[in-house]
């Protein structure tokens, strides 16, 4: 049997933990590597490239199921580009929705911070009165159903 890379070395080369590589294998994102007589996994340079592909896809926000699909497209004899384009469009749409939600959250937090700072400047919270933001958070009628913080 030819010489392969043991899992520790693959982990160092890819920046992953040994457990992450084992997880990828269990999730069938990686083929089952050959093993030594002692049971040690032996990975090929192609396996290492495969792991780098998985990591880059994760950094782009793809889920494990989507990565599995990309791997099939990468190795298959199908017209992959249009399918990848569709996956990218869906991912971009999702990211844009999350950005819009984060922008709303940022605006709300900034407004709440201003309320706190105003109340503190006026000395309104020096007594036993409650913080205006805590009052607002406690007011369930202030938020439509399903939109409560």
N, C-alpha and C. Protein backbone atom coordinates (compact mmCIF):
# COMPACT_ATOMS: atom_id res chain seq x y z
N UNK A 1 0.85 -1.18 0.00
CA UNK A 1 0.00 0.00 0.00
C UNK A 1 0.89 1.24 0.00
N UNK A 2 0.54 2.23 -0.83
CA UNK A 2 1.34 3.45 -0.93
C UNK A 2 1.25 4.29 0.33
N UNK A 3 2.16 5.19 0.43
CA UNK A 3 2.23 6.08 1.58
C UNK A 3 1.15 7.13 1.49
N UNK A 4 0.44 7.39 2.55
CA UNK A 4 -0.58 8.42 2.59
C UNK A 4 -0.32 9.36 3.75
N UNK A 5 -1.14 10.36 3.88
CA UNK A 5 -1.03 11.34 4.96
C UNK A 5 -1.93 10.92 6.11
N UNK A 6 -1.37 10.91 7.29
CA UNK A 6 -2.19 10.59 8.45
C UNK A 6 -3.03 11.80 8.83
N UNK A 7 -4.07 11.55 9.58
CA UNK A 7 -5.08 12.56 9.86
C UNK A 7 -4.51 13.79 10.57
N UNK A 8 -3.55 13.62 11.44
CA UNK A 8 -2.95 14.76 12.12
C UNK A 8 -2.28 15.72 11.16
N UNK A 9 -1.57 15.16 10.20
CA UNK A 9 -0.90 16.01 9.21
C UNK A 9 -1.93 16.70 8.32
N UNK A 10 -2.97 15.97 7.94
CA UNK A 10 -4.03 16.57 7.13
C UNK A 10 -4.69 17.71 7.91
N UNK A 11 -4.89 17.51 9.19
CA UNK A 11 -5.48 18.56 10.03
C UNK A 11 -4.59 19.81 10.01
N UNK A 12 -3.30 19.63 10.17
CA UNK A 12 -2.38 20.78 10.16
C UNK A 12 -2.38 21.47 8.81
N UNK A 13 -2.39 20.69 7.74
CA UNK A 13 -2.34 21.27 6.39
C UNK A 13 -3.63 22.00 6.02
N UNK A 14 -4.73 21.58 6.58
CA UNK A 14 -6.02 22.19 6.22
C UNK A 14 -6.52 23.20 7.25
N UNK A 15 -5.90 23.23 8.42
CA UNK A 15 -6.36 24.14 9.47
C UNK A 15 -7.59 23.64 10.21
N UNK A 16 -7.91 22.38 10.02
CA UNK A 16 -9.06 21.78 10.70
C UNK A 16 -8.58 20.96 11.89
N UNK A 17 -9.53 20.57 12.71
CA UNK A 17 -9.22 19.64 13.78
C UNK A 17 -9.39 18.22 13.25
N UNK A 18 -8.78 17.30 13.94
CA UNK A 18 -8.94 15.89 13.60
C UNK A 18 -10.42 15.51 13.68
N UNK A 19 -11.10 16.02 14.69
CA UNK A 19 -12.53 15.73 14.84
C UNK A 19 -13.35 16.25 13.66
N UNK A 20 -12.98 17.43 13.15
CA UNK A 20 -13.71 17.98 12.00
C UNK A 20 -13.54 17.10 10.77
N UNK A 21 -12.34 16.59 10.57
CA UNK A 21 -12.09 15.71 9.43
C UNK A 21 -12.88 14.41 9.59
N UNK A 22 -12.89 13.88 10.79
CA UNK A 22 -13.70 12.68 11.04
C UNK A 22 -15.18 12.96 10.81
N UNK A 23 -15.63 14.15 11.21
CA UNK A 23 -17.02 14.54 11.00
C UNK A 23 -17.35 14.59 9.52
N UNK A 24 -16.47 15.20 8.72
CA UNK A 24 -16.68 15.24 7.27
C UNK A 24 -16.80 13.82 6.71
N UNK A 25 -15.97 12.94 7.23
CA UNK A 25 -16.02 11.55 6.76
C UNK A 25 -17.35 10.90 7.14
N UNK A 26 -17.79 11.12 8.38
CA UNK A 26 -19.07 10.55 8.83
C UNK A 26 -20.24 11.11 8.04
N UNK A 27 -20.13 12.36 7.65
CA UNK A 27 -21.19 13.01 6.87
C UNK A 27 -21.12 12.65 5.39
N UNK A 28 -20.15 11.83 5.05
CA UNK A 28 -19.93 11.37 3.68
C UNK A 28 -19.60 12.51 2.72
N UNK A 29 -18.94 13.52 3.26
CA UNK A 29 -18.40 14.56 2.40
C UNK A 29 -17.04 14.13 1.87
N UNK A 30 -16.42 13.23 2.59
CA UNK A 30 -15.14 12.64 2.18
C UNK A 30 -15.34 11.15 1.97
N UNK A 31 -14.59 10.62 1.04
CA UNK A 31 -14.62 9.16 0.87
C UNK A 31 -13.90 8.54 2.07
N UNK A 32 -14.21 7.30 2.34
CA UNK A 32 -13.54 6.60 3.43
C UNK A 32 -12.09 6.38 3.03
N UNK A 33 -11.16 6.89 3.82
CA UNK A 33 -9.74 6.74 3.45
C UNK A 33 -9.26 5.31 3.68
N UNK A 34 -8.21 4.97 2.98
CA UNK A 34 -7.56 3.69 3.24
C UNK A 34 -7.02 3.73 4.66
N UNK A 35 -6.75 2.55 5.21
CA UNK A 35 -6.21 2.47 6.57
C UNK A 35 -4.97 1.60 6.60
N UNK A 36 -4.11 1.91 7.54
CA UNK A 36 -2.94 1.07 7.75
C UNK A 36 -3.38 -0.19 8.47
N UNK A 37 -2.47 -1.12 8.59
CA UNK A 37 -2.79 -2.34 9.34
C UNK A 37 -3.15 -2.00 10.79
N UNK A 38 -2.58 -0.90 11.30
CA UNK A 38 -2.88 -0.47 12.66
C UNK A 38 -4.18 0.34 12.76
N UNK A 39 -4.85 0.57 11.64
CA UNK A 39 -6.13 1.27 11.66
C UNK A 39 -6.04 2.77 11.45
N UNK A 40 -4.85 3.30 11.18
CA UNK A 40 -4.71 4.74 10.96
C UNK A 40 -5.21 5.11 9.57
N UNK A 41 -5.95 6.19 9.49
CA UNK A 41 -6.44 6.68 8.20
C UNK A 41 -5.27 7.20 7.39
N UNK A 42 -5.31 6.93 6.09
CA UNK A 42 -4.30 7.44 5.17
C UNK A 42 -5.00 8.24 4.07
N UNK A 43 -4.72 9.53 4.04
CA UNK A 43 -5.36 10.42 3.09
C UNK A 43 -4.40 10.70 1.92
N UNK A 44 -4.98 10.95 0.77
CA UNK A 44 -4.21 11.29 -0.43
C UNK A 44 -4.16 12.81 -0.58
N UNK A 45 -3.26 13.30 -1.42
CA UNK A 45 -3.27 14.75 -1.71
C UNK A 45 -4.62 15.21 -2.28
N UNK A 46 -5.30 14.34 -3.02
CA UNK A 46 -6.62 14.68 -3.56
C UNK A 46 -7.63 14.85 -2.42
N UNK A 47 -7.50 14.03 -1.37
CA UNK A 47 -8.38 14.18 -0.21
C UNK A 47 -8.17 15.54 0.44
N UNK A 48 -6.92 15.96 0.51
CA UNK A 48 -6.60 17.27 1.11
C UNK A 48 -7.23 18.37 0.26
N UNK A 49 -7.13 18.27 -1.06
CA UNK A 49 -7.77 19.27 -1.94
C UNK A 49 -9.29 19.27 -1.73
N UNK A 50 -9.83 18.10 -1.56
CA UNK A 50 -11.27 17.94 -1.33
C UNK A 50 -11.67 18.66 -0.03
N UNK A 51 -10.88 18.51 1.01
CA UNK A 51 -11.14 19.16 2.29
C UNK A 51 -11.07 20.68 2.13
N UNK A 52 -10.09 21.17 1.38
CA UNK A 52 -9.99 22.61 1.12
C UNK A 52 -11.24 23.11 0.39
N UNK A 53 -11.72 22.33 -0.55
CA UNK A 53 -12.95 22.69 -1.28
C UNK A 53 -14.11 22.80 -0.30
N UNK A 54 -14.25 21.85 0.58
CA UNK A 54 -15.35 21.85 1.57
C UNK A 54 -15.25 23.09 2.45
N UNK A 55 -14.05 23.40 2.92
CA UNK A 55 -13.87 24.57 3.79
C UNK A 55 -14.21 25.86 3.07
N UNK A 56 -13.76 25.99 1.83
CA UNK A 56 -14.06 27.22 1.07
C UNK A 56 -15.56 27.36 0.84
N UNK A 57 -16.21 26.24 0.56
CA UNK A 57 -17.67 26.27 0.36
C UNK A 57 -18.37 26.68 1.66
N UNK A 58 -17.88 26.18 2.79
CA UNK A 58 -18.46 26.57 4.08
C UNK A 58 -18.25 28.06 4.34
N UNK A 59 -17.08 28.58 3.98
CA UNK A 59 -16.81 30.00 4.17
C UNK A 59 -17.74 30.87 3.33
N UNK A 60 -18.22 30.31 2.23
CA UNK A 60 -19.20 31.02 1.39
C UNK A 60 -20.61 30.89 1.94
N UNK A 61 -20.76 30.13 3.03
CA UNK A 61 -22.06 30.02 3.68
C UNK A 61 -22.88 28.82 3.25
N UNK A 62 -22.30 27.93 2.48
CA UNK A 62 -23.05 26.76 2.05
C UNK A 62 -23.19 25.77 3.20
N UNK A 63 -24.37 25.16 3.29
CA UNK A 63 -24.63 24.13 4.29
C UNK A 63 -23.96 22.83 3.85
N UNK A 64 -23.91 21.87 4.76
CA UNK A 64 -23.31 20.58 4.40
C UNK A 64 -24.08 19.90 3.27
N UNK A 65 -25.39 20.00 3.29
CA UNK A 65 -26.18 19.42 2.19
C UNK A 65 -25.88 20.10 0.86
N UNK A 66 -25.75 21.42 0.90
CA UNK A 66 -25.42 22.15 -0.32
C UNK A 66 -24.01 21.80 -0.79
N UNK A 67 -23.10 21.63 0.14
CA UNK A 67 -21.73 21.24 -0.21
C UNK A 67 -21.73 19.85 -0.84
N UNK A 68 -22.51 18.97 -0.28
CA UNK A 68 -22.63 17.62 -0.86
C UNK A 68 -23.09 17.72 -2.33
N UNK A 69 -24.04 18.60 -2.55
CA UNK A 69 -24.54 18.82 -3.91
C UNK A 69 -23.45 19.40 -4.81
N UNK A 70 -22.68 20.36 -4.28
CA UNK A 70 -21.59 20.95 -5.06
C UNK A 70 -20.53 19.90 -5.40
N UNK A 71 -20.27 19.01 -4.46
CA UNK A 71 -19.29 17.95 -4.71
C UNK A 71 -19.75 17.02 -5.82
N UNK A 72 -21.03 16.73 -5.83
CA UNK A 72 -21.59 15.89 -6.91
C UNK A 72 -21.45 16.62 -8.24
N UNK A 73 -21.76 17.91 -8.23
CA UNK A 73 -21.65 18.70 -9.45
C UNK A 73 -20.20 18.78 -9.92
N UNK A 74 -19.28 18.88 -8.97
CA UNK A 74 -17.86 19.00 -9.31
C UNK A 74 -17.33 17.73 -9.98
N UNK A 75 -17.80 16.60 -9.53
CA UNK A 75 -17.28 15.34 -10.05
C UNK A 75 -18.15 14.72 -11.11
N UNK A 76 -19.36 15.22 -11.26
CA UNK A 76 -20.30 14.61 -12.20
C UNK A 76 -20.13 15.10 -13.61
N UNK A 77 -20.82 14.44 -14.50
CA UNK A 77 -20.82 14.82 -15.92
C UNK A 77 -22.10 15.56 -16.26
N UNK A 78 -22.44 16.54 -15.42
CA UNK A 78 -23.66 17.30 -15.64
C UNK A 78 -23.30 18.75 -15.96
N UNK A 79 -24.26 19.46 -16.47
CA UNK A 79 -24.07 20.88 -16.74
C UNK A 79 -24.11 21.62 -15.41
N UNK A 80 -22.97 21.74 -14.78
CA UNK A 80 -22.90 22.21 -13.40
C UNK A 80 -23.09 23.72 -13.26
N UNK A 81 -22.63 24.48 -14.22
CA UNK A 81 -22.57 25.93 -14.05
C UNK A 81 -23.95 26.55 -13.79
N UNK A 82 -24.95 26.15 -14.50
CA UNK A 82 -26.29 26.74 -14.30
C UNK A 82 -26.84 26.34 -12.94
N UNK A 83 -26.55 25.13 -12.51
CA UNK A 83 -27.01 24.68 -11.19
C UNK A 83 -26.28 25.44 -10.08
N UNK A 84 -24.99 25.63 -10.24
CA UNK A 84 -24.21 26.39 -9.25
C UNK A 84 -24.69 27.83 -9.22
N UNK A 85 -25.00 28.39 -10.38
CA UNK A 85 -25.54 29.75 -10.44
C UNK A 85 -26.82 29.85 -9.62
N UNK A 86 -27.70 28.85 -9.75
CA UNK A 86 -28.96 28.86 -8.99
C UNK A 86 -28.70 28.77 -7.49
N UNK A 87 -27.74 27.94 -7.11
CA UNK A 87 -27.38 27.84 -5.69
C UNK A 87 -26.83 29.17 -5.18
N UNK A 88 -25.98 29.80 -5.99
CA UNK A 88 -25.40 31.08 -5.59
C UNK A 88 -26.47 32.17 -5.49
N UNK A 89 -27.42 32.19 -6.41
CA UNK A 89 -28.50 33.17 -6.35
C UNK A 89 -29.30 33.01 -5.06
N UNK A 90 -29.62 31.77 -4.72
CA UNK A 90 -30.38 31.51 -3.49
C UNK A 90 -29.57 31.92 -2.27
N UNK A 91 -28.29 31.62 -2.26
CA UNK A 91 -27.43 31.97 -1.13
C UNK A 91 -27.31 33.48 -1.00
N UNK A 92 -27.12 34.17 -2.12
CA UNK A 92 -27.02 35.62 -2.11
C UNK A 92 -28.31 36.27 -1.61
N UNK A 93 -29.44 35.74 -2.03
CA UNK A 93 -30.73 36.25 -1.57
C UNK A 93 -30.85 36.09 -0.05
N UNK A 94 -30.45 34.95 0.45
CA UNK A 94 -30.49 34.69 1.88
C UNK A 94 -29.58 35.65 2.65
N UNK A 95 -28.40 35.88 2.13
CA UNK A 95 -27.46 36.80 2.78
C UNK A 95 -28.02 38.21 2.79
N UNK A 96 -28.62 38.62 1.70
CA UNK A 96 -29.20 39.97 1.63
C UNK A 96 -30.34 40.13 2.63
N UNK A 97 -31.17 39.08 2.79
CA UNK A 97 -32.24 39.13 3.79
C UNK A 97 -31.66 39.26 5.20
N UNK A 98 -30.62 38.49 5.48
CA UNK A 98 -29.98 38.57 6.80
C UNK A 98 -29.37 39.94 7.03
N UNK A 99 -28.76 40.52 5.99
CA UNK A 99 -28.20 41.86 6.12
C UNK A 99 -29.28 42.89 6.44
N UNK A 100 -30.42 42.77 5.79
CA UNK A 100 -31.54 43.69 6.05
C UNK A 100 -32.02 43.54 7.49
N UNK A 101 -32.13 42.29 7.96
CA UNK A 101 -32.53 42.06 9.35
C UNK A 101 -31.50 42.63 10.32
N UNK A 102 -30.22 42.45 10.02
CA UNK A 102 -29.17 42.99 10.88
C UNK A 102 -29.19 44.52 10.88
N UNK A 103 -29.50 45.13 9.73
CA UNK A 103 -29.58 46.59 9.66
C UNK A 103 -30.72 47.10 10.54
N UNK A 104 -31.87 46.40 10.52
CA UNK A 104 -32.99 46.77 11.39
C UNK A 104 -32.59 46.62 12.86
N UNK A 105 -31.90 45.53 13.17
CA UNK A 105 -31.46 45.31 14.54
C UNK A 105 -30.49 46.40 14.98
N UNK A 106 -29.55 46.77 14.10
CA UNK A 106 -28.60 47.84 14.42
C UNK A 106 -29.33 49.15 14.70
N UNK A 107 -30.31 49.46 13.87
CA UNK A 107 -31.07 50.70 14.05
C UNK A 107 -31.82 50.69 15.39
N UNK A 108 -32.44 49.56 15.71
CA UNK A 108 -33.18 49.46 16.97
C UNK A 108 -32.25 49.58 18.17
N UNK A 109 -31.10 48.91 18.12
CA UNK A 109 -30.15 48.99 19.23
C UNK A 109 -29.61 50.41 19.39
N UNK A 110 -29.33 51.08 18.28
CA UNK A 110 -28.85 52.46 18.35
C UNK A 110 -29.92 53.38 18.95
N UNK A 111 -31.19 53.18 18.56
CA UNK A 111 -32.28 53.99 19.12
C UNK A 111 -32.44 53.72 20.62
N UNK A 112 -32.35 52.44 21.01
CA UNK A 112 -32.46 52.10 22.44
C UNK A 112 -31.30 52.69 23.24
N UNK A 113 -30.12 52.67 22.67
CA UNK A 113 -28.97 53.26 23.35
C UNK A 113 -29.17 54.75 23.56
N UNK A 114 -29.71 55.44 22.55
CA UNK A 114 -29.98 56.87 22.69
C UNK A 114 -30.99 57.13 23.81
N UNK A 115 -32.02 56.27 23.90
CA UNK A 115 -33.01 56.42 24.98
C UNK A 115 -32.34 56.29 26.34
N UNK A 116 -31.49 55.31 26.48
CA UNK A 116 -30.78 55.12 27.75
C UNK A 116 -29.91 56.33 28.07
N UNK A 117 -29.15 56.78 27.08
CA UNK A 117 -28.26 57.92 27.31
C UNK A 117 -29.04 59.18 27.67
N UNK A 118 -30.19 59.39 27.00
CA UNK A 118 -31.03 60.55 27.31
C UNK A 118 -31.55 60.47 28.75
N UNK A 119 -32.02 59.30 29.12
CA UNK A 119 -32.55 59.11 30.47
C UNK A 119 -31.46 59.31 31.52
N UNK A 120 -30.28 58.85 31.23
CA UNK A 120 -29.18 59.01 32.18
C UNK A 120 -28.76 60.48 32.29
N UNK A 121 -28.74 61.21 31.17
CA UNK A 121 -28.39 62.64 31.20
C UNK A 121 -29.40 63.44 32.01
N UNK A 122 -30.67 63.08 31.89
CA UNK A 122 -31.73 63.79 32.61
C UNK A 122 -31.81 63.37 34.07
N UNK A 123 -31.12 62.31 34.40
CA UNK A 123 -31.16 61.82 35.77
C UNK A 123 -32.45 61.09 36.09
N UNK A 124 -33.17 60.66 35.05
CA UNK A 124 -34.46 60.00 35.26
C UNK A 124 -34.33 58.64 35.92
N UNK A 125 -33.19 58.03 35.80
CA UNK A 125 -33.05 56.69 36.36
C UNK A 125 -32.27 56.70 37.66
N UNK A 126 -32.06 57.89 38.20
CA UNK A 126 -31.32 57.98 39.46
C UNK A 126 -32.17 57.47 40.62
N UNK A 127 -33.48 57.54 40.47
CA UNK A 127 -34.36 57.03 41.51
C UNK A 127 -34.65 55.57 41.22
N UNK A 128 -35.70 55.06 41.77
CA UNK A 128 -36.06 53.65 41.57
C UNK A 128 -36.85 53.41 40.30
N UNK A 129 -36.95 54.44 39.45
CA UNK A 129 -37.67 54.26 38.20
C UNK A 129 -36.91 53.28 37.31
N UNK A 130 -37.65 52.63 36.46
CA UNK A 130 -37.04 51.63 35.58
C UNK A 130 -36.44 52.29 34.35
N UNK A 131 -35.54 51.63 33.75
CA UNK A 131 -34.91 52.07 32.50
C UNK A 131 -35.97 52.08 31.41
N UNK A 132 -36.03 53.11 30.56
CA UNK A 132 -37.06 53.18 29.52
C UNK A 132 -36.96 52.01 28.52
N UNK A 133 -35.79 51.53 28.28
CA UNK A 133 -35.64 50.41 27.34
C UNK A 133 -36.18 49.13 27.97
N UNK A 134 -35.92 48.93 29.26
CA UNK A 134 -36.49 47.76 29.94
C UNK A 134 -38.00 47.82 29.94
N UNK A 135 -38.55 49.02 30.15
CA UNK A 135 -40.01 49.19 30.09
C UNK A 135 -40.53 48.82 28.70
N UNK A 136 -39.83 49.26 27.68
CA UNK A 136 -40.25 48.98 26.30
C UNK A 136 -40.17 47.48 26.00
N UNK A 137 -39.09 46.84 26.43
CA UNK A 137 -38.94 45.40 26.20
C UNK A 137 -40.04 44.63 26.92
N UNK A 138 -40.41 45.09 28.10
CA UNK A 138 -41.44 44.41 28.89
C UNK A 138 -42.84 44.62 28.33
N UNK A 139 -43.03 45.65 27.51
CA UNK A 139 -44.34 45.96 26.95
C UNK A 139 -44.62 45.07 25.74
N UNK A 140 -45.32 43.96 25.99
CA UNK A 140 -45.60 43.01 24.91
C UNK A 140 -46.47 43.60 23.82
N UNK A 141 -47.27 44.62 24.15
CA UNK A 141 -48.14 45.23 23.14
C UNK A 141 -47.36 46.09 22.16
N UNK A 142 -46.10 46.42 22.49
CA UNK A 142 -45.31 47.26 21.63
C UNK A 142 -44.78 46.51 20.40
N UNK A 143 -44.85 45.18 20.43
CA UNK A 143 -44.31 44.38 19.33
C UNK A 143 -45.40 43.49 18.75
N UNK A 144 -45.54 43.50 17.44
CA UNK A 144 -46.53 42.62 16.81
C UNK A 144 -46.18 41.15 17.09
N UNK A 145 -47.19 40.30 17.10
CA UNK A 145 -46.96 38.87 17.34
C UNK A 145 -45.97 38.33 16.34
N UNK A 146 -45.04 37.52 16.82
CA UNK A 146 -44.02 36.92 15.96
C UNK A 146 -42.85 37.83 15.70
N UNK A 147 -42.93 39.08 16.13
CA UNK A 147 -41.84 40.04 15.89
C UNK A 147 -41.25 40.50 17.21
N UNK A 148 -41.58 39.84 18.29
CA UNK A 148 -41.06 40.25 19.60
C UNK A 148 -39.60 39.95 19.69
N UNK A 149 -38.90 40.79 20.43
CA UNK A 149 -37.46 40.60 20.61
C UNK A 149 -37.22 39.54 21.63
